[in-house]
Amino acid sequence: MIACLPMYDWPELTSAHDSYWQKLAFKLRENGIEAPETLSRDQSDGSYWLNPDLLLGQTCGYPLATALHEKVAYVATPVYDVEGCRGPYYSSAILARKNSPLTPEKMAGSRFAYNGENSLSGYRSIKALVGEPSDIFVSLHKTGSHRNSARKVAGGSADIAALDAVCWHLLQQFEPKTANKLKVIGWSSQYPALPLITSLKTSQQTIDLMREILTSIPSEKALAINGYEVLTTADYNKLSAL
């Protein structure tokens, strides 16, 4: 079986994720669920999401509603204890440089840095806010990660980026030199946070048991996780409209 928690697995949090998984895997095995000893990190996120041996993974809400629709099973949603999150919902911090006069209403003609088109927090939330980015911004800069988007704005080669609330929290914690050059000029709408998923071959009985375990384990301060809630696939399917 495979487990992966890649969405916030920054280098600074590798050991925290490993420790968290050890505690969670122990609980799973204690309840009769075969769980891998370690988290997998040697392949792309997408290859893990669609692996039939996936026991537990994490993806973004937009791919769950689109490319992964009916190809994986939803398990639960983390509750993050950071600014911009409310229960199992999160929003994106819209960032500009500290001295920028830009506002969410006056972003037209600026340069937009984003992690990828399939990102709910970095791209789709902005599209929902202002319209098609290619029609609004004078240039688009695909960076591959929220962290790189923030660096691009801080360095002056882009003007606007949208980081999900947890990544903005982590940037302030682990990369203050970059964060201190930025300011939040607004927040996106709130959407269901990044879901935990499993393979379609995982039985409903196992999914129900994993949900019981996840919703009963203590908070994990190092990862800003304050529990889990179970939403519905319909909550995520709505995101396909973005």
Foldseek 3Di string as FASTA:
>chain_A
DAEAEPPPCDVVCVVVVFVVVCVLCVVLVVVPHHDDNGHDDPDDPVVQQQDQAFPKYWDALQCCLPVCPVRWAFFWAFQFQFPQGDGQKGWWFKKFFPPDPDALVRQFAFEEEFADCSHCQWHVLNCVSPNHPVRGYPYYHHQNDQVRRLQCRLVPVGGITIGIRLVLVVCCVPPVVSNVRMDGRDITDMARGITMIGGPVDDPVSSVVSNVSQQPDQARVVSRTHTIGHDDNVSSNVSNVD
